[in-house]
Amino acid sequence: MRRTKFGKGGQSAALLFALALTPLWAAPRAAAESVPWGAGCIPVPEGATRTATNCGASLVDGRAIAPPGAPGVVRQVIGAANRIRHRPYVWGGGHRSWFSRGYDCSGAVGYALHGAGLLGVTMVSGEFESWGEAGAGSWITVYANAEHVFMVVAGLRFDTRSDPVGVSGPRWHRAWADPRRFVPRHPLAL
């Protein structure tokens, strides 16, 4: 592992301020290169635990790549989501069966969570409002309301909205969605 030197006084206050205001997916190139590993990482004190808060997943050609050190269950969620990321949006898709030609928002989120053993039955978006534990998680947060659900895994959003023109269905996004109208939930200990 490559270590980064910041000098006796640590990082400058200006760099810390800039990093605090910069979303993980938009970290300046110089800052991203100064960390030991992973795109989107920000420096943390030696011995600190890496989480989605300080080191997010990479997005390469539409596929999410889990950051080194991510828990196995996070890798499984990302792997399952990657398997369906190219499928079209189909209303009700993923509810009669986990395997579908296309997925809607809750079908896609459910498929990814099921792929890691975190969900045993299909659910509609409103049901996710009471799933798991209340609040945002360290690695996985599901944002739900009666009309829509999406999730953020290791800093990347998995959603069926905000697709490029002519494309529909579940996709990974670097851009953040406004979670104010959603109830945040997370799997226990994640």
Protein backbone atom coordinates (compact mmCIF):
# COMPACT_ATOMS: atom_id res chain seq x y z
CA MET A 1 0.00 0.00 0.00
CA ARG A 2 1.37 3.39 -0.99
CA ARG A 3 1.42 5.92 1.82
CA THR A 4 0.82 9.60 1.24
CA LYS A 5 2.78 12.26 3.11
CA PHE A 6 1.03 15.43 4.08
CA GLY A 7 3.80 16.94 6.21
CA LYS A 8 4.02 17.50 9.94
CA GLY A 9 0.97 19.71 10.14
CA GLY A 10 -1.25 17.44 8.05
CA GLN A 11 -3.21 18.72 5.09
CA SER A 12 -3.77 22.41 4.65
CA ALA A 13 -7.06 23.81 5.85
CA ALA A 14 -7.85 24.92 2.30
CA LEU A 15 -7.56 21.36 0.94
CA LEU A 16 -9.70 19.96 3.75
CA PHE A 17 -12.33 22.62 3.12
CA ALA A 18 -12.33 21.91 -0.62
CA LEU A 19 -12.63 18.17 -0.07
CA ALA A 20 -15.45 18.62 2.44
CA LEU A 21 -17.45 20.56 -0.16
CA THR A 22 -16.65 18.27 -3.09
CA PRO A 23 -18.94 15.29 -3.74
CA LEU A 24 -17.06 11.97 -3.82
CA TRP A 25 -17.70 11.44 -7.52
CA ALA A 26 -16.39 14.90 -8.41
CA ALA A 27 -13.19 14.94 -6.36
CA PRO A 28 -10.43 16.94 -8.04
CA ARG A 29 -8.00 14.70 -9.92
CA ALA A 30 -5.02 15.78 -7.79
CA ALA A 31 -6.90 14.97 -4.58
CA ALA A 32 -8.02 11.58 -5.92
CA GLU A 33 -4.43 10.71 -6.89
CA SER A 34 -3.10 11.59 -3.45
CA VAL A 35 -4.99 8.79 -1.71
CA PRO A 36 -3.76 5.21 -1.35
CA TRP A 37 -6.47 3.58 -3.49
CA GLY A 38 -9.80 3.98 -5.23
CA ALA A 39 -11.47 6.62 -7.36
CA GLY A 40 -13.52 9.03 -5.30
CA CYS A 41 -11.59 8.40 -2.08
CA ILE A 42 -10.69 11.25 0.20
CA PRO A 43 -7.79 11.08 2.65
CA VAL A 44 -8.55 9.75 6.12
CA PRO A 45 -6.29 9.49 9.15
CA GLU A 46 -4.11 6.40 9.27
CA GLY A 47 -5.99 3.49 10.80
CA ALA A 48 -9.43 4.99 10.05
CA THR A 49 -12.07 2.73 8.54
CA ARG A 50 -12.88 3.20 4.85
CA THR A 51 -16.62 3.45 4.17
CA ALA A 52 -18.84 4.73 1.36
CA THR A 53 -18.66 8.10 3.10
CA ASN A 54 -14.92 8.51 2.48
CA CYS A 55 -14.27 6.16 -0.43
CA GLY A 56 -16.89 5.37 -3.03
CA ALA A 57 -17.11 2.78 -5.75
CA SER A 58 -15.72 3.45 -9.22
CA LEU A 59 -17.91 3.63 -12.30
CA VAL A 60 -16.27 2.12 -15.41
CA ASP A 61 -18.23 1.79 -18.65
CA GLY A 62 -21.50 1.73 -16.72
CA ARG A 63 -20.36 -0.97 -14.27
CA ALA A 64 -19.83 -0.24 -10.60
CA ILE A 65 -16.55 -1.49 -9.12
CA ALA A 66 -16.55 -1.88 -5.35
CA PRO A 67 -13.75 -0.10 -3.51
CA PRO A 68 -11.05 -2.30 -1.96
CA GLY A 69 -12.01 -3.22 1.56
CA ALA A 70 -15.75 -3.10 0.90
CA PRO A 71 -17.66 -5.78 2.83
CA GLY A 72 -18.52 -8.92 0.86
CA VAL A 73 -22.24 -8.20 1.01
CA VAL A 74 -21.63 -4.78 -0.59
CA ARG A 75 -19.69 -6.49 -3.38
CA GLN A 76 -22.60 -8.91 -3.84
CA VAL A 77 -25.16 -6.08 -4.10
CA ILE A 78 -22.96 -4.32 -6.66
CA GLY A 79 -22.46 -7.56 -8.61
CA ALA A 80 -26.20 -8.27 -8.73
CA ALA A 81 -27.00 -4.71 -9.81
CA ASN A 82 -24.32 -4.93 -12.52
CA ARG A 83 -26.03 -8.05 -13.91
CA ILE A 84 -29.25 -6.11 -14.67
CA ARG A 85 -27.89 -2.62 -15.36
CA HIS A 86 -28.44 -2.97 -19.10
CA ARG A 87 -32.03 -4.24 -18.85
CA PRO A 88 -34.89 -1.95 -19.97
CA TYR A 89 -37.42 -0.33 -17.68
CA VAL A 90 -40.52 -2.53 -17.45
CA TRP A 91 -43.30 -1.48 -15.09
CA GLY A 92 -43.78 -4.37 -12.67
CA GLY A 93 -40.55 -6.01 -13.83
CA GLY A 94 -38.86 -8.07 -11.16
CA HIS A 95 -42.01 -8.66 -9.09
CA ARG A 96 -43.41 -11.93 -10.44
CA SER A 97 -39.91 -13.40 -10.46
CA TRP A 98 -36.44 -12.15 -9.56
CA PHE A 99 -35.48 -12.84 -13.17
CA SER A 100 -37.19 -10.60 -15.68
CA ARG A 101 -36.55 -9.17 -19.15
CA GLY A 102 -36.69 -5.70 -17.53
CA TYR A 103 -37.11 -4.07 -14.14
CA ASP A 104 -38.95 -1.16 -12.58
CA CYS A 105 -37.42 0.85 -9.72
CA SER A 106 -38.43 -1.47 -6.88
CA GLY A 107 -37.78 -4.59 -8.93
CA ALA A 108 -34.24 -3.42 -9.66
CA VAL A 109 -33.43 -2.43 -6.08
CA GLY A 110 -35.02 -5.65 -4.83
CA TYR A 111 -33.03 -7.78 -7.28
CA ALA A 112 -29.73 -6.24 -6.16
CA LEU A 113 -30.53 -6.64 -2.46
CA HIS A 114 -31.77 -10.19 -3.03
CA GLY A 115 -28.50 -11.00 -4.81
CA ALA A 116 -26.71 -10.42 -1.51
CA GLY A 117 -29.27 -12.24 0.63
CA LEU A 118 -30.66 -9.00 2.07
CA LEU A 119 -34.21 -9.39 0.73
CA GLY A 120 -36.28 -12.56 0.56
CA VAL A 121 -39.44 -11.32 -1.16
CA THR A 122 -40.18 -8.74 -3.82
CA MET A 123 -41.47 -5.38 -2.59
CA VAL A 124 -43.02 -2.30 -4.17
CA SER A 125 -41.46 1.12 -3.58
CA GLY A 126 -43.70 2.13 -0.66
CA GLU A 127 -42.88 -1.07 1.23
CA PHE A 128 -39.20 -0.09 1.24
CA GLU A 129 -40.13 2.86 3.51
CA SER A 130 -40.22 0.41 6.42
CA TRP A 131 -37.59 -2.10 5.25
CA GLY A 132 -34.33 -2.58 7.16
CA GLU A 133 -33.15 -0.04 9.71
CA ALA A 134 -34.09 3.66 9.84
CA GLY A 135 -31.69 6.26 8.46
CA ALA A 136 -28.75 6.27 6.10
CA GLY A 137 -26.29 3.39 6.19
CA SER A 138 -22.51 3.40 5.99
CA TRP A 139 -22.39 1.42 2.74
CA ILE A 140 -25.96 0.98 1.47
CA THR A 141 -28.90 3.38 1.75
CA VAL A 142 -32.27 2.75 0.14
CA TYR A 143 -34.36 5.89 -0.46
CA ALA A 144 -38.08 5.14 -0.78
CA ASN A 145 -41.47 6.78 -0.98
CA ALA A 146 -44.86 5.57 -2.24
CA GLU A 147 -43.94 6.33 -5.87
CA HIS A 148 -40.23 5.58 -6.29
CA VAL A 149 -37.21 3.87 -4.76
CA PHE A 150 -33.48 4.03 -5.50
CA MET A 151 -30.37 3.14 -3.56
CA VAL A 152 -26.88 4.45 -3.01
CA VAL A 153 -24.21 1.77 -2.67
CA ALA A 154 -20.62 2.74 -1.85
CA GLY A 155 -21.30 6.27 -3.06
CA LEU A 156 -22.96 5.41 -6.41
CA ARG A 157 -26.68 5.72 -7.09
CA PHE A 158 -28.52 2.75 -8.60
CA ASP A 159 -31.74 4.10 -10.09
CA THR A 160 -34.18 3.81 -12.98
CA ARG A 161 -34.42 7.59 -13.40
CA SER A 162 -32.07 10.11 -15.02
CA ASP A 163 -31.09 7.80 -17.86
CA PRO A 164 -29.52 9.15 -21.06
CA VAL A 165 -31.95 9.99 -23.90
CA GLY A 166 -33.26 6.81 -25.51
CA VAL A 167 -32.11 4.57 -22.65
CA SER A 168 -34.28 3.29 -19.83
CA GLY A 169 -33.92 0.92 -16.94
CA PRO A 170 -31.70 0.43 -13.92
CA ARG A 171 -28.35 2.19 -14.16
CA TRP A 172 -25.49 3.36 -11.96
CA HIS A 173 -25.16 7.13 -11.68
CA ARG A 174 -22.51 9.42 -10.24
CA ALA A 175 -25.00 12.26 -10.01
CA TRP A 176 -26.87 12.55 -6.75
CA ALA A 177 -30.67 12.51 -6.55
CA ASP A 178 -32.40 14.78 -4.07
CA PRO A 179 -33.38 12.45 -1.21
CA ARG A 180 -35.54 14.99 0.68
CA ARG A 181 -38.84 13.42 -0.37
CA PHE A 182 -37.65 9.90 0.46
CA VAL A 183 -37.35 7.82 3.60
CA PRO A 184 -33.75 6.57 4.05
CA ARG A 185 -33.36 2.95 5.16
CA HIS A 186 -30.39 0.60 5.33
CA PRO A 187 -29.52 -3.04 6.01
CA LEU A 188 -28.46 -3.78 9.58
CA ALA A 189 -24.75 -3.00 10.14
CA LEU A 190 -24.29 -1.61 6.61
